[in-house]
Structures are given as structure tokens and as C-alpha cells.
N, C-alpha and C. Protein backbone atom coordinates (compact mmCIF):
# COMPACT_ATOMS: atom_id res chain seq x y z
N MET A 1 66.79 40.65 37.47
CA MET A 1 65.45 40.42 37.97
C MET A 1 64.49 41.53 37.51
N LYS A 2 64.97 42.77 37.51
CA LYS A 2 64.12 43.86 37.07
C LYS A 2 63.77 43.73 35.60
N GLN A 3 64.72 43.25 34.82
CA GLN A 3 64.47 43.10 33.39
C GLN A 3 63.44 41.99 33.14
N LEU A 4 63.49 40.93 33.92
CA LEU A 4 62.52 39.86 33.79
C LEU A 4 61.12 40.35 34.13
N LEU A 5 60.99 41.12 35.20
CA LEU A 5 59.68 41.68 35.56
C LEU A 5 59.17 42.64 34.50
N LEU A 6 60.08 43.40 33.90
CA LEU A 6 59.69 44.29 32.82
C LEU A 6 59.15 43.51 31.64
N ARG A 7 59.80 42.40 31.31
CA ARG A 7 59.33 41.57 30.20
C ARG A 7 57.99 40.92 30.50
N ILE A 8 57.81 40.47 31.74
CA ILE A 8 56.56 39.81 32.12
C ILE A 8 55.38 40.77 32.00
N VAL A 9 55.60 42.05 32.23
CA VAL A 9 54.52 43.03 32.15
C VAL A 9 54.38 43.61 30.74
N ALA A 10 55.48 43.91 30.09
CA ALA A 10 55.45 44.67 28.83
C ALA A 10 54.87 43.87 27.67
N TYR A 11 55.30 42.65 27.49
CA TYR A 11 54.87 41.89 26.32
C TYR A 11 53.38 41.53 26.35
N PRO A 12 52.84 41.05 27.47
CA PRO A 12 51.38 40.82 27.47
C PRO A 12 50.57 42.12 27.36
N THR A 13 51.09 43.22 27.92
CA THR A 13 50.40 44.49 27.79
C THR A 13 50.33 44.92 26.33
N PHE A 14 51.39 44.71 25.61
CA PHE A 14 51.41 45.02 24.18
C PHE A 14 50.40 44.16 23.43
N GLY A 15 50.34 42.89 23.78
CA GLY A 15 49.38 41.99 23.13
C GLY A 15 47.94 42.38 23.41
N VAL A 16 47.64 42.74 24.64
CA VAL A 16 46.29 43.18 24.98
C VAL A 16 45.96 44.48 24.26
N GLY A 17 46.94 45.36 24.13
CA GLY A 17 46.73 46.61 23.40
C GLY A 17 46.43 46.37 21.94
N ILE A 18 47.13 45.43 21.33
CA ILE A 18 46.86 45.10 19.93
C ILE A 18 45.44 44.54 19.79
N TYR A 19 45.07 43.68 20.71
CA TYR A 19 43.73 43.10 20.64
C TYR A 19 42.66 44.19 20.75
N HIS A 20 42.79 45.07 21.73
CA HIS A 20 41.76 46.10 21.92
C HIS A 20 41.76 47.13 20.80
N THR A 21 42.92 47.40 20.23
CA THR A 21 42.98 48.38 19.15
C THR A 21 42.35 47.86 17.88
N PHE A 22 42.67 46.65 17.48
CA PHE A 22 42.22 46.14 16.19
C PHE A 22 40.94 45.32 16.24
N PHE A 23 40.65 44.69 17.37
CA PHE A 23 39.48 43.82 17.43
C PHE A 23 38.43 44.26 18.44
N GLY A 24 38.77 45.20 19.32
CA GLY A 24 37.83 45.66 20.33
C GLY A 24 37.02 46.85 19.84
N ASN A 25 36.13 47.30 20.68
CA ASN A 25 35.27 48.41 20.32
C ASN A 25 35.84 49.75 20.74
N ASP A 26 36.65 49.78 21.77
CA ASP A 26 37.16 51.04 22.30
C ASP A 26 38.59 51.26 21.81
N HIS A 27 38.75 52.07 20.78
CA HIS A 27 40.06 52.24 20.16
C HIS A 27 40.99 53.11 20.99
N VAL A 28 40.47 54.09 21.72
CA VAL A 28 41.33 54.96 22.53
C VAL A 28 41.95 54.16 23.66
N TYR A 29 41.16 53.36 24.32
CA TYR A 29 41.64 52.49 25.40
C TYR A 29 42.72 51.53 24.87
N GLY A 30 42.48 50.97 23.72
CA GLY A 30 43.44 50.05 23.12
C GLY A 30 44.73 50.73 22.74
N LEU A 31 44.64 51.95 22.22
CA LEU A 31 45.85 52.68 21.84
C LEU A 31 46.69 53.04 23.06
N VAL A 32 46.04 53.41 24.15
CA VAL A 32 46.79 53.74 25.37
C VAL A 32 47.54 52.51 25.87
N ILE A 33 46.87 51.38 25.92
CA ILE A 33 47.52 50.15 26.38
C ILE A 33 48.60 49.72 25.39
N LEU A 34 48.33 49.87 24.10
CA LEU A 34 49.31 49.51 23.08
C LEU A 34 50.59 50.32 23.23
N PHE A 35 50.47 51.62 23.43
CA PHE A 35 51.66 52.46 23.57
C PHE A 35 52.38 52.22 24.89
N MET A 36 51.65 51.87 25.95
CA MET A 36 52.31 51.52 27.20
C MET A 36 53.13 50.25 27.03
N GLY A 37 52.57 49.26 26.35
CA GLY A 37 53.30 48.03 26.09
C GLY A 37 54.48 48.25 25.17
N LEU A 38 54.30 49.09 24.16
CA LEU A 38 55.39 49.40 23.24
C LEU A 38 56.52 50.11 23.96
N LEU A 39 56.19 51.01 24.85
CA LEU A 39 57.22 51.69 25.64
C LEU A 39 57.99 50.69 26.51
N GLY A 40 57.28 49.75 27.09
CA GLY A 40 57.94 48.72 27.88
C GLY A 40 58.85 47.83 27.05
N ILE A 41 58.43 47.48 25.85
CA ILE A 41 59.26 46.66 24.97
C ILE A 41 60.50 47.43 24.53
N LEU A 42 60.33 48.71 24.21
CA LEU A 42 61.49 49.52 23.82
C LEU A 42 62.47 49.67 24.98
N CYS A 43 61.96 49.82 26.19
CA CYS A 43 62.85 49.87 27.37
C CYS A 43 63.58 48.54 27.54
N ASP A 44 62.90 47.44 27.25
CA ASP A 44 63.53 46.13 27.34
C ASP A 44 64.62 45.97 26.28
N LEU A 45 64.36 46.43 25.07
CA LEU A 45 65.34 46.29 24.00
C LEU A 45 66.59 47.13 24.25
N PHE A 46 66.40 48.32 24.80
CA PHE A 46 67.53 49.22 25.03
C PHE A 46 67.95 49.25 26.49
N TYR A 47 67.70 48.17 27.22
CA TYR A 47 67.99 48.10 28.65
C TYR A 47 69.48 48.29 28.94
N LYS A 48 70.32 47.66 28.17
CA LYS A 48 71.77 47.74 28.39
C LYS A 48 72.29 49.15 28.13
N LYS A 49 71.72 49.84 27.16
CA LYS A 49 72.18 51.18 26.84
C LYS A 49 71.65 52.20 27.85
N LEU A 50 70.45 51.97 28.38
CA LEU A 50 69.87 52.94 29.30
C LEU A 50 70.44 52.80 30.71
N TYR A 51 70.58 51.58 31.17
CA TYR A 51 71.04 51.34 32.53
C TYR A 51 72.38 50.63 32.49
N THR A 52 73.44 51.38 32.46
CA THR A 52 74.77 50.78 32.46
C THR A 52 75.13 50.42 33.88
N GLU A 53 75.25 49.14 34.11
CA GLU A 53 75.55 48.65 35.46
C GLU A 53 77.00 48.31 35.61
């Protein structure tokens, strides 16, 4: 369940970050959101290695 919630938040955050970085006017805001989403995606990809249950 935690992994599903992580995916629900991380992937759209990454998409919004890409939009604001490349198509928006505020590049710093977009980069912050982009890196937050990227961190969430990386946590999702390495979930099994980070949290051994």
C-alpha cells in the first residue's frame, strides 16, 4: 500500500516538474518539483532494495 501511494504522488509530481521546467516561466520552481518527483521515482524503483521486508 505504501508503494502504491508513493507511485501515485511521485509520477505526477515528476510530470508537473517537467512541464514547469521546460514549458513554464519559473525554472527554479520547476527544477525543485522535478527533483522531488525524480527522488520519488528512484525510491519506487529501488523499493525492494531499500526496504527489505
